[in-house]
């Protein structure tokens, strides 16, 4: 049975949030300080990494997830770490930059 698209987008969005927290943990520690990382960063990641269907900017309607590189979210300049995020996402999902402040998670077809 195939999962409904919006439910799949929610799942990929949550997975993307989790992978970002893992891959960028040391980066977040350096930005926010040890001990404060989990709660502060989890909130920031939840606000910056959203289901593409809920994106008010409509940057990537065909994507599953939209990532805003603002308010402490690492920029696309951290290309190697964003590559690791892509590698740790399930299946054929990957992160692609839209512009300097927005990326999105797409699925290879």
PDB file of N, CA and C in Angstrom:
ATOM      1  N   UNK A   1       0.843  -1.187   0.000  1.00  0.00           N
ATOM      2  CA  UNK A   1       0.000   0.000   0.000  1.00  0.00           C
ATOM      3  C   UNK A   1       0.881   1.242   0.000  1.00  0.00           C
ATOM      4  N   UNK A   2       0.576   2.184  -0.859  1.00  0.00           N
ATOM      5  CA  UNK A   2       1.340   3.414  -0.964  1.00  0.00           C
ATOM      6  C   UNK A   2       0.842   4.429   0.052  1.00  0.00           C
ATOM      7  N   UNK A   3       1.792   5.110   0.693  1.00  0.00           N
ATOM      8  CA  UNK A   3       1.472   6.127   1.683  1.00  0.00           C
ATOM      9  C   UNK A   3       0.953   7.377   0.970  1.00  0.00           C
ATOM     10  N   UNK A   4      -0.091   8.057   1.507  1.00  0.00           N
ATOM     11  CA  UNK A   4      -0.541   9.317   0.905  1.00  0.00           C
ATOM     12  C   UNK A   4       0.619  10.317   0.834  1.00  0.00           C
ATOM     13  N   UNK A   5       0.637  11.117  -0.225  1.00  0.00           N
ATOM     14  CA  UNK A   5       1.753  12.037  -0.470  1.00  0.00           C
ATOM     15  C   UNK A   5       2.005  12.966   0.717  1.00  0.00           C
ATOM     16  N   UNK A   6       0.980  13.591   1.279  1.00  0.00           N
ATOM     17  CA  UNK A   6       1.205  14.538   2.372  1.00  0.00           C
ATOM     18  C   UNK A   6       1.793  13.837   3.594  1.00  0.00           C
ATOM     19  N   UNK A   7       1.345  12.613   3.865  1.00  0.00           N
ATOM     20  CA  UNK A   7       1.885  11.853   4.981  1.00  0.00           C
ATOM     21  C   UNK A   7       3.351  11.498   4.718  1.00  0.00           C
ATOM     22  N   UNK A   8       3.671  11.146   3.482  1.00  0.00           N
ATOM     23  CA  UNK A   8       5.057  10.853   3.122  1.00  0.00           C
ATOM     24  C   UNK A   8       5.911  12.109   3.272  1.00  0.00           C
ATOM     25  N   UNK A   9       5.376  13.255   2.869  1.00  0.00           N
ATOM     26  CA  UNK A   9       6.120  14.515   3.013  1.00  0.00           C
ATOM     27  C   UNK A   9       6.364  14.825   4.482  1.00  0.00           C
ATOM     28  N   UNK A  10       5.385  14.575   5.335  1.00  0.00           N
ATOM     29  CA  UNK A  10       5.582  14.773   6.779  1.00  0.00           C
ATOM     30  C   UNK A  10       6.695  13.867   7.288  1.00  0.00           C
ATOM     31  N   UNK A  11       6.668  12.605   6.885  1.00  0.00           N
ATOM     32  CA  UNK A  11       7.693  11.652   7.332  1.00  0.00           C
ATOM     33  C   UNK A  11       9.086  12.087   6.890  1.00  0.00           C
ATOM     34  N   UNK A  12       9.233  12.506   5.639  1.00  0.00           N
ATOM     35  CA  UNK A  12      10.530  12.945   5.136  1.00  0.00           C
ATOM     36  C   UNK A  12      10.955  14.236   5.827  1.00  0.00           C
ATOM     37  N   UNK A  13      10.013  15.113   6.112  1.00  0.00           N
ATOM     38  CA  UNK A  13      10.341  16.350   6.832  1.00  0.00           C
ATOM     39  C   UNK A  13      10.879  16.034   8.219  1.00  0.00           C
ATOM     40  N   UNK A  14      10.214  15.141   8.959  1.00  0.00           N
ATOM     41  CA  UNK A  14      10.693  14.771  10.299  1.00  0.00           C
ATOM     42  C   UNK A  14      12.051  14.075  10.224  1.00  0.00           C
ATOM     43  N   UNK A  15      12.229  13.219   9.228  1.00  0.00           N
ATOM     44  CA  UNK A  15      13.510  12.530   9.051  1.00  0.00           C
ATOM     45  C   UNK A  15      14.610  13.546   8.727  1.00  0.00           C
ATOM     46  N   UNK A  16      14.303  14.522   7.878  1.00  0.00           N
ATOM     47  CA  UNK A  16      15.275  15.564   7.530  1.00  0.00           C
ATOM     48  C   UNK A  16      15.664  16.364   8.761  1.00  0.00           C
ATOM     49  N   UNK A  17      14.685  16.718   9.585  1.00  0.00           N
ATOM     50  CA  UNK A  17      14.978  17.453  10.824  1.00  0.00           C
ATOM     51  C   UNK A  17      15.923  16.649  11.711  1.00  0.00           C
ATOM     52  N   UNK A  18      15.649  15.381  11.859  1.00  0.00           N
ATOM     53  CA  UNK A  18      16.468  14.509  12.698  1.00  0.00           C
ATOM     54  C   UNK A  18      17.892  14.392  12.168  1.00  0.00           C
ATOM     55  N   UNK A  19      18.022  14.184  10.868  1.00  0.00           N
ATOM     56  CA  UNK A  19      19.348  14.033  10.259  1.00  0.00           C
ATOM     57  C   UNK A  19      20.134  15.340  10.390  1.00  0.00           C
ATOM     58  N   UNK A  20      19.485  16.475  10.188  1.00  0.00           N
ATOM     59  CA  UNK A  20      20.165  17.770  10.349  1.00  0.00           C
ATOM     60  C   UNK A  20      20.700  17.919  11.770  1.00  0.00           C
ATOM     61  N   UNK A  21      19.893  17.535  12.756  1.00  0.00           N
ATOM     62  CA  UNK A  21      20.332  17.627  14.155  1.00  0.00           C
ATOM     63  C   UNK A  21      21.582  16.781  14.379  1.00  0.00           C
ATOM     64  N   UNK A  22      21.635  15.609  13.789  1.00  0.00           N
ATOM     65  CA  UNK A  22      22.790  14.714  13.957  1.00  0.00           C
ATOM     66  C   UNK A  22      24.022  15.232  13.212  1.00  0.00           C
ATOM     67  N   UNK A  23      23.857  15.537  11.942  1.00  0.00           N
ATOM     68  CA  UNK A  23      24.993  15.922  11.098  1.00  0.00           C
ATOM     69  C   UNK A  23      25.602  17.252  11.553  1.00  0.00           C
ATOM     70  N   UNK A  24      24.767  18.191  11.942  1.00  0.00           N
ATOM     71  CA  UNK A  24      25.250  19.523  12.308  1.00  0.00           C
ATOM     72  C   UNK A  24      25.409  19.713  13.816  1.00  0.00           C
ATOM     73  N   UNK A  25      25.426  18.636  14.595  1.00  0.00           N
ATOM     74  CA  UNK A  25      25.483  18.756  16.053  1.00  0.00           C
ATOM     75  C   UNK A  25      26.661  19.615  16.514  1.00  0.00           C
ATOM     76  N   UNK A  26      27.855  19.332  16.036  1.00  0.00           N
ATOM     77  CA  UNK A  26      29.037  20.099  16.450  1.00  0.00           C
ATOM     78  C   UNK A  26      28.928  21.560  16.010  1.00  0.00           C
ATOM     79  N   UNK A  27      28.393  21.792  14.835  1.00  0.00           N
ATOM     80  CA  UNK A  27      28.178  23.163  14.363  1.00  0.00           C
ATOM     81  C   UNK A  27      27.228  23.891  15.322  1.00  0.00           C
ATOM     82  N   UNK A  28      26.113  23.245  15.663  1.00  0.00           N
ATOM     83  CA  UNK A  28      25.151  23.876  16.562  1.00  0.00           C
ATOM     84  C   UNK A  28      25.752  24.125  17.936  1.00  0.00           C
ATOM     85  N   UNK A  29      26.566  23.198  18.433  1.00  0.00           N
ATOM     86  CA  UNK A  29      27.248  23.401  19.720  1.00  0.00           C
ATOM     87  C   UNK A  29      28.123  24.647  19.673  1.00  0.00           C
ATOM     88  N   UNK A  30      28.832  24.828  18.577  1.00  0.00           N
ATOM     89  CA  UNK A  30      29.717  25.995  18.466  1.00  0.00           C
ATOM     90  C   UNK A  30      28.919  27.295  18.367  1.00  0.00           C
ATOM     91  N   UNK A  31      27.717  27.230  17.818  1.00  0.00           N
ATOM     92  CA  UNK A  31      26.887  28.422  17.662  1.00  0.00           C
ATOM     93  C   UNK A  31      26.086  28.760  18.915  1.00  0.00           C
ATOM     94  N   UNK A  32      25.571  27.742  19.590  1.00  0.00           N
ATOM     95  CA  UNK A  32      24.646  27.964  20.700  1.00  0.00           C
ATOM     96  C   UNK A  32      25.216  27.605  22.057  1.00  0.00           C
ATOM     97  N   UNK A  33      26.361  26.928  22.094  1.00  0.00           N
ATOM     98  CA  UNK A  33      26.975  26.539  23.356  1.00  0.00           C
ATOM     99  C   UNK A  33      26.530  25.159  23.795  1.00  0.00           C
ATOM    100  N   UNK A  34      27.437  24.481  24.480  1.00  0.00           N
ATOM    101  CA  UNK A  34      27.128  23.143  24.986  1.00  0.00           C
ATOM    102  C   UNK A  34      25.999  23.219  26.010  1.00  0.00           C
ATOM    103  N   UNK A  35      25.204  22.183  26.060  1.00  0.00           N
ATOM    104  CA  UNK A  35      24.131  22.106  27.041  1.00  0.00           C
ATOM    105  C   UNK A  35      22.840  22.764  26.596  1.00  0.00           C
ATOM    106  N   UNK A  36      22.926  23.758  25.719  1.00  0.00           N
ATOM    107  CA  UNK A  36      21.734  24.461  25.248  1.00  0.00           C
ATOM    108  C   UNK A  36      21.317  23.973  23.864  1.00  0.00           C
ATOM    109  N   UNK A  37      22.097  23.085  23.315  1.00  0.00           N
ATOM    110  CA  UNK A  37      21.901  22.682  21.927  1.00  0.00           C
ATOM    111  C   UNK A  37      20.545  22.033  21.684  1.00  0.00           C
ATOM    112  N   UNK A  38      20.209  21.025  22.441  1.00  0.00           N
ATOM    113  CA  UNK A  38      19.043  20.202  22.113  1.00  0.00           C
ATOM    114  C   UNK A  38      17.754  21.012  22.029  1.00  0.00           C
ATOM    115  N   UNK A  39      17.353  21.680  23.094  1.00  0.00           N
ATOM    116  CA  UNK A  39      16.069  22.382  23.077  1.00  0.00           C
ATOM    117  C   UNK A  39      16.055  23.565  22.119  1.00  0.00           C
ATOM    118  N   UNK A  40      17.076  24.398  22.190  1.00  0.00           N
ATOM    119  CA  UNK A  40      17.113  25.585  21.336  1.00  0.00           C
ATOM    120  C   UNK A  40      17.191  25.197  19.855  1.00  0.00           C
ATOM    121  N   UNK A  41      18.051  24.260  19.540  1.00  0.00           N
ATOM    122  CA  UNK A  41      18.235  23.856  18.150  1.00  0.00           C
ATOM    123  C   UNK A  41      17.026  23.087  17.631  1.00  0.00           C
ATOM    124  N   UNK A  42      16.447  22.228  18.438  1.00  0.00           N
ATOM    125  CA  UNK A  42      15.267  21.471  17.997  1.00  0.00           C
ATOM    126  C   UNK A  42      14.144  22.418  17.590  1.00  0.00           C
ATOM    127  N   UNK A  43      13.940  23.477  18.351  1.00  0.00           N
ATOM    128  CA  UNK A  43      12.902  24.452  18.027  1.00  0.00           C
ATOM    129  C   UNK A  43      13.239  25.190  16.727  1.00  0.00           C
ATOM    130  N   UNK A  44      14.499  25.617  16.584  1.00  0.00           N
ATOM    131  CA  UNK A  44      14.925  26.328  15.388  1.00  0.00           C
ATOM    132  C   UNK A  44      14.806  25.438  14.148  1.00  0.00           C
ATOM    133  N   UNK A  45      15.230  24.179  14.275  1.00  0.00           N
ATOM    134  CA  UNK A  45      15.146  23.250  13.147  1.00  0.00           C
ATOM    135  C   UNK A  45      13.685  23.001  12.772  1.00  0.00           C
ATOM    136  N   UNK A  46      12.821  22.834  13.751  1.00  0.00           N
ATOM    137  CA  UNK A  46      11.397  22.599  13.476  1.00  0.00           C
ATOM    138  C   UNK A  46      10.769  23.783  12.741  1.00  0.00           C
ATOM    139  N   UNK A  47      11.203  25.008  13.035  1.00  0.00           N
ATOM    140  CA  UNK A  47      10.661  26.190  12.359  1.00  0.00           C
ATOM    141  C   UNK A  47      11.275  26.405  10.978  1.00  0.00           C
ATOM    142  N   UNK A  48      12.501  25.916  10.775  1.00  0.00           N
ATOM    143  CA  UNK A  48      13.220  26.167   9.522  1.00  0.00           C
ATOM    144  C   UNK A  48      13.095  25.040   8.498  1.00  0.00           C
ATOM    145  N   UNK A  49      12.697  23.856   8.920  1.00  0.00           N
ATOM    146  CA  UNK A  49      12.603  22.682   8.049  1.00  0.00           C
ATOM    147  C   UNK A  49      11.137  22.244   8.049  1.00  0.00           C
ATOM    148  N   UNK A  50      10.437  22.532   6.948  1.00  0.00           N
ATOM    149  CA  UNK A  50       8.986  22.351   6.932  1.00  0.00           C
ATOM    150  C   UNK A  50       8.525  21.531   5.722  1.00  0.00           C
ATOM    151  N   UNK A  51       7.366  20.927   5.869  1.00  0.00           N
ATOM    152  CA  UNK A  51       6.719  20.224   4.763  1.00  0.00           C
ATOM    153  C   UNK A  51       6.514  21.230   3.633  1.00  0.00           C
ATOM    154  N   UNK A  52       6.899  20.876   2.423  1.00  0.00           N
ATOM    155  CA  UNK A  52       6.789  21.793   1.282  1.00  0.00           C
ATOM    156  C   UNK A  52       5.342  22.235   1.040  1.00  0.00           C
ATOM    157  N   UNK A  53       4.377  21.414   1.406  1.00  0.00           N
ATOM    158  CA  UNK A  53       2.970  21.795   1.244  1.00  0.00           C
ATOM    159  C   UNK A  53       2.582  22.938   2.174  1.00  0.00           C
ATOM    160  N   UNK A  54       3.356  23.144   3.241  1.00  0.00           N
ATOM    161  CA  UNK A  54       3.066  24.200   4.215  1.00  0.00           C
ATOM    162  C   UNK A  54       3.978  25.410   4.045  1.00  0.00           C
ATOM    163  N   UNK A  55       4.733  25.463   2.969  1.00  0.00           N
ATOM    164  CA  UNK A  55       5.689  26.544   2.742  1.00  0.00           C
ATOM    165  C   UNK A  55       4.990  27.787   2.225  1.00  0.00           C
ATOM    166  N   UNK A  56       4.943  28.858   3.024  1.00  0.00           N
ATOM    167  CA  UNK A  56       4.255  30.071   2.569  1.00  0.00           C
ATOM    168  C   UNK A  56       4.938  30.727   1.365  1.00  0.00           C
ATOM    169  N   UNK A  57       6.242  30.489   1.197  1.00  0.00           N
ATOM    170  CA  UNK A  57       6.957  31.071   0.063  1.00  0.00           C
ATOM    171  C   UNK A  57       6.798  30.287  -1.217  1.00  0.00           C
ATOM    172  N   UNK A  58       6.265  29.054  -1.109  1.00  0.00           N
ATOM    173  CA  UNK A  58       6.055  28.181  -2.263  1.00  0.00           C
ATOM    174  C   UNK A  58       7.305  28.077  -3.132  1.00  0.00           C
ATOM    175  N   UNK A  59       8.470  27.899  -2.469  1.00  0.00           N
ATOM    176  CA  UNK A  59       9.747  27.848  -3.172  1.00  0.00           C
ATOM    177  C   UNK A  59       9.905  26.599  -4.023  1.00  0.00           C
ATOM    178  N   UNK A  60       9.385  25.488  -3.550  1.00  0.00           N
ATOM    179  CA  UNK A  60       9.591  24.227  -4.266  1.00  0.00           C
ATOM    180  C   UNK A  60       8.367  23.332  -4.094  1.00  0.00           C
ATOM    181  N   UNK A  61       7.291  23.628  -4.809  1.00  0.00           N
ATOM    182  CA  UNK A  61       6.049  22.869  -4.634  1.00  0.00           C
ATOM    183  C   UNK A  61       6.186  21.373  -4.916  1.00  0.00           C
ATOM    184  N   UNK A  62       7.138  20.975  -5.760  1.00  0.00           N
ATOM    185  CA  UNK A  62       7.304  19.551  -6.058  1.00  0.00           C
ATOM    186  C   UNK A  62       8.228  18.845  -5.072  1.00  0.00           C
ATOM    187  N   UNK A  63       8.790  19.598  -4.129  1.00  0.00           N
ATOM    188  CA  UNK A  63       9.674  19.013  -3.115  1.00  0.00           C
ATOM    189  C   UNK A  63       8.846  18.369  -2.009  1.00  0.00           C
ATOM    190  N   UNK A  64       9.516  17.615  -1.158  1.00  0.00           N
ATOM    191  CA  UNK A  64       8.872  17.054   0.023  1.00  0.00           C
ATOM    192  C   UNK A  64       9.041  17.986   1.216  1.00  0.00           C
ATOM    193  N   UNK A  65      10.207  18.627   1.289  1.00  0.00           N
ATOM    194  CA  UNK A  65      10.567  19.457   2.438  1.00  0.00           C
ATOM    195  C   UNK A  65      11.276  20.710   1.951  1.00  0.00           C
ATOM    196  N   UNK A  66      11.053  21.823   2.645  1.00  0.00           N
ATOM    197  CA  UNK A  66      11.760  23.076   2.362  1.00  0.00           C
ATOM    198  C   UNK A  66      12.577  23.440   3.595  1.00  0.00           C
ATOM    199  N   UNK A  67      13.815  23.879   3.361  1.00  0.00           N
ATOM    200  CA  UNK A  67      14.735  24.248   4.433  1.00  0.00           C
ATOM    201  C   UNK A  67      15.089  25.720   4.271  1.00  0.00           C
ATOM    202  N   UNK A  68      14.789  26.524   5.295  1.00  0.00           N
ATOM    203  CA  UNK A  68      15.160  27.933   5.299  1.00  0.00           C
ATOM    204  C   UNK A  68      16.475  28.089   6.056  1.00  0.00           C
ATOM    205  N   UNK A  69      17.481  28.679   5.414  1.00  0.00           N
ATOM    206  CA  UNK A  69      18.793  28.878   6.018  1.00  0.00           C
ATOM    207  C   UNK A  69      18.831  30.242   6.707  1.00  0.00           C
ATOM    208  N   UNK A  70      18.004  30.398   7.732  1.00  0.00           N
ATOM    209  CA  UNK A  70      17.906  31.642   8.500  1.00  0.00           C
ATOM    210  C   UNK A  70      17.829  31.311   9.983  1.00  0.00           C
ATOM    211  N   UNK A  71      18.017  32.320  10.828  1.00  0.00           N
ATOM    212  CA  UNK A  71      17.866  32.173  12.284  1.00  0.00           C
ATOM    213  C   UNK A  71      18.728  31.066  12.883  1.00  0.00           C
ATOM    214  N   UNK A  72      19.941  30.893  12.356  1.00  0.00           N
ATOM    215  CA  UNK A  72      20.852  29.901  12.917  1.00  0.00           C
ATOM    216  C   UNK A  72      20.966  28.611  12.128  1.00  0.00           C
ATOM    217  N   UNK A  73      20.097  28.419  11.144  1.00  0.00           N
ATOM    218  CA  UNK A  73      20.207  27.210  10.310  1.00  0.00           C
ATOM    219  C   UNK A  73      21.442  27.362   9.429  1.00  0.00           C
ATOM    220  N   UNK A  74      22.303  26.339   9.385  1.00  0.00           N
ATOM    221  CA  UNK A  74      23.534  26.431   8.594  1.00  0.00           C
ATOM    222  C   UNK A  74      23.258  26.764   7.120  1.00  0.00           C
ATOM    223  N   UNK A  75      24.134  27.582   6.568  1.00  0.00           N
ATOM    224  CA  UNK A  75      23.979  27.997   5.171  1.00  0.00           C
ATOM    225  C   UNK A  75      24.392  26.873   4.226  1.00  0.00           C
ATOM    226  N   UNK A  76      24.081  27.081   2.969  1.00  0.00           N
ATOM    227  CA  UNK A  76      24.464  26.106   1.953  1.00  0.00           C
ATOM    228  C   UNK A  76      25.970  26.099   1.730  1.00  0.00           C
ATOM    229  N   UNK A  77      26.685  27.071   2.312  1.00  0.00           N
ATOM    230  CA  UNK A  77      28.144  27.095   2.211  1.00  0.00           C
ATOM    231  C   UNK A  77      28.780  25.871   2.877  1.00  0.00           C
ATOM    232  N   UNK A  78      28.041  25.206   3.754  1.00  0.00           N
ATOM    233  CA  UNK A  78      28.516  23.979   4.413  1.00  0.00           C
ATOM    234  C   UNK A  78      28.172  22.778   3.525  1.00  0.00           C
ATOM    235  N   UNK A  79      28.618  22.837   2.284  1.00  0.00           N
ATOM    236  CA  UNK A  79      28.216  21.873   1.254  1.00  0.00           C
ATOM    237  C   UNK A  79      28.529  20.432   1.634  1.00  0.00           C
ATOM    238  N   UNK A  80      29.675  20.188   2.268  1.00  0.00           N
ATOM    239  CA  UNK A  80      30.024  18.812   2.641  1.00  0.00           C
ATOM    240  C   UNK A  80      29.050  18.255   3.676  1.00  0.00           C
ATOM    241  N   UNK A  81      28.657  19.080   4.636  1.00  0.00           N
ATOM    242  CA  UNK A  81      27.713  18.604   5.651  1.00  0.00           C
ATOM    243  C   UNK A  81      26.320  18.417   5.056  1.00  0.00           C
ATOM    244  N   UNK A  82      25.917  19.303   4.143  1.00  0.00           N
ATOM    245  CA  UNK A  82      24.618  19.106   3.490  1.00  0.00           C
ATOM    246  C   UNK A  82      24.643  17.851   2.625  1.00  0.00           C
ATOM    247  N   UNK A  83      25.809  17.530   2.060  1.00  0.00           N
ATOM    248  CA  UNK A  83      25.956  16.274   1.330  1.00  0.00           C
ATOM    249  C   UNK A  83      25.760  15.079   2.236  1.00  0.00           C
ATOM    250  N   UNK A  84      26.269  15.180   3.475  1.00  0.00           N
ATOM    251  CA  UNK A  84      26.065  14.101   4.454  1.00  0.00           C
ATOM    252  C   UNK A  84      24.588  13.966   4.802  1.00  0.00           C
ATOM    253  N   UNK A  85      23.895  15.110   4.908  1.00  0.00           N
ATOM    254  CA  UNK A  85      22.450  15.051   5.175  1.00  0.00           C
ATOM    255  C   UNK A  85      21.781  14.263   4.051  1.00  0.00           C
ATOM    256  N   UNK A  86      22.094  14.594   2.804  1.00  0.00           N
ATOM    257  CA  UNK A  86      21.509  13.875   1.663  1.00  0.00           C
ATOM    258  C   UNK A  86      21.808  12.385   1.748  1.00  0.00           C
ATOM    259  N   UNK A  87      23.056  12.039   2.079  1.00  0.00           N
ATOM    260  CA  UNK A  87      23.451  10.629   2.156  1.00  0.00           C
ATOM    261  C   UNK A  87      22.723   9.860   3.241  1.00  0.00           C
ATOM    262  N   UNK A  88      22.314  10.546   4.298  1.00  0.00           N
ATOM    263  CA  UNK A  88      21.648   9.864   5.416  1.00  0.00           C
ATOM    264  C   UNK A  88      20.132   9.846   5.292  1.00  0.00           C
ATOM    265  N   UNK A  89      19.591  10.562   4.316  1.00  0.00           N
ATOM    266  CA  UNK A  89      18.145  10.506   4.102  1.00  0.00           C
ATOM    267  C   UNK A  89      17.789   9.165   3.481  1.00  0.00           C
ATOM    268  N   UNK A  90      16.581   8.667   3.747  1.00  0.00           N
ATOM    269  CA  UNK A  90      16.198   7.354   3.214  1.00  0.00           C
ATOM    270  C   UNK A  90      15.977   7.390   1.707  1.00  0.00           C
ATOM    271  N   UNK A  91      16.047   6.222   1.117  1.00  0.00           N
ATOM    272  CA  UNK A  91      15.712   6.071  -0.296  1.00  0.00           C
ATOM    273  C   UNK A  91      16.504   6.982  -1.201  1.00  0.00           C
ATOM    274  N   UNK A  92      15.821   7.586  -2.136  1.00  0.00           N
ATOM    275  CA  UNK A  92      16.444   8.433  -3.159  1.00  0.00           C
ATOM    276  C   UNK A  92      16.205   9.917  -2.889  1.00  0.00           C
ATOM    277  N   UNK A  93      16.123  10.299  -1.615  1.00  0.00           N
ATOM    278  CA  UNK A  93      15.900  11.699  -1.266  1.00  0.00           C
ATOM    279  C   UNK A  93      17.233  12.423  -1.147  1.00  0.00           C
ATOM    280  N   UNK A  94      17.241  13.708  -1.503  1.00  0.00           N
ATOM    281  CA  UNK A  94      18.464  14.503  -1.445  1.00  0.00           C
ATOM    282  C   UNK A  94      18.121  15.979  -1.235  1.00  0.00           C
ATOM    283  N   UNK A  95      19.102  16.732  -0.713  1.00  0.00           N
ATOM    284  CA  UNK A  95      18.957  18.170  -0.491  1.00  0.00           C
ATOM    285  C   UNK A  95      19.524  18.910  -1.696  1.00  0.00           C
ATOM    286  N   UNK A  96      18.772  19.883  -2.194  1.00  0.00           N
ATOM    287  CA  UNK A  96      19.212  20.714  -3.317  1.00  0.00           C
ATOM    288  C   UNK A  96      18.995  22.184  -2.962  1.00  0.00           C
ATOM    289  N   UNK A  97      20.006  23.009  -3.203  1.00  0.00           N
ATOM    290  CA  UNK A  97      19.883  24.450  -2.951  1.00  0.00           C
ATOM    291  C   UNK A  97      18.963  25.080  -4.001  1.00  0.00           C
ATOM    292  N   UNK A  98      18.077  25.943  -3.539  1.00  0.00           N
ATOM    293  CA  UNK A  98      17.197  26.711  -4.417  1.00  0.00           C
ATOM    294  C   UNK A  98      17.818  28.089  -4.637  1.00  0.00           C
ATOM    295  N   UNK A  99      18.265  28.698  -3.546  1.00  0.00           N
ATOM    296  CA  UNK A  99      18.978  29.977  -3.548  1.00  0.00           C
ATOM    297  C   UNK A  99      19.773  30.038  -2.239  1.00  0.00           C
ATOM    298  N   UNK A 100      20.514  31.103  -1.957  1.00  0.00           N
ATOM    299  CA  UNK A 100      21.347  31.120  -0.744  1.00  0.00           C
ATOM    300  C   UNK A 100      20.580  30.957   0.582  1.00  0.00           C
ATOM    301  N   UNK A 101      19.290  31.224   0.576  1.00  0.00           N
ATOM    302  CA  UNK A 101      18.531  31.139   1.822  1.00  0.00           C
ATOM    303  C   UNK A 101      17.522  29.998   1.871  1.00  0.00           C
ATOM    304  N   UNK A 102      17.378  29.254   0.789  1.00  0.00           N
ATOM    305  CA  UNK A 102      16.381  28.184   0.749  1.00  0.00           C
ATOM    306  C   UNK A 102      16.942  26.962   0.034  1.00  0.00           C
ATOM    307  N   UNK A 103      16.728  25.798   0.638  1.00  0.00           N
ATOM    308  CA  UNK A 103      17.015  24.506  -0.006  1.00  0.00           C
ATOM    309  C   UNK A 103      15.748  23.671   0.084  1.00  0.00           C
ATOM    310  N   UNK A 104      15.755  22.558  -0.612  1.00  0.00           N
ATOM    311  CA  UNK A 104      14.592  21.672  -0.565  1.00  0.00           C
ATOM    312  C   UNK A 104      15.052  20.227  -0.681  1.00  0.00           C
ATOM    313  N   UNK A 105      14.196  19.322  -0.185  1.00  0.00           N
ATOM    314  CA  UNK A 105      14.456  17.900  -0.278  1.00  0.00           C
ATOM    315  C   UNK A 105      13.547  17.337  -1.373  1.00  0.00           C
ATOM    316  N   UNK A 106      14.191  16.759  -2.364  1.00  0.00           N
ATOM    317  CA  UNK A 106      13.495  16.160  -3.495  1.00  0.00           C
ATOM    318  C   UNK A 106      13.741  14.658  -3.502  1.00  0.00           C
ATOM    319  N   UNK A 107      12.938  13.940  -4.292  1.00  0.00           N
ATOM    320  CA  UNK A 107      13.122  12.510  -4.472  1.00  0.00           C
ATOM    321  C   UNK A 107      13.438  12.262  -5.935  1.00  0.00           C
ATOM    322  N   UNK A 108      14.547  11.533  -6.175  1.00  0.00           N
ATOM    323  CA  UNK A 108      14.858  11.136  -7.546  1.00  0.00           C
ATOM    324  C   UNK A 108      13.785  10.176  -8.037  1.00  0.00           C
ATOM    325  N   UNK A 109      13.343  10.379  -9.232  1.00  0.00           N
ATOM    326  CA  UNK A 109      12.273   9.532  -9.806  1.00  0.00           C
ATOM    327  C   UNK A 109      12.855   8.527 -10.750  1.00  0.00           C
TER     328      UNK A 109
END
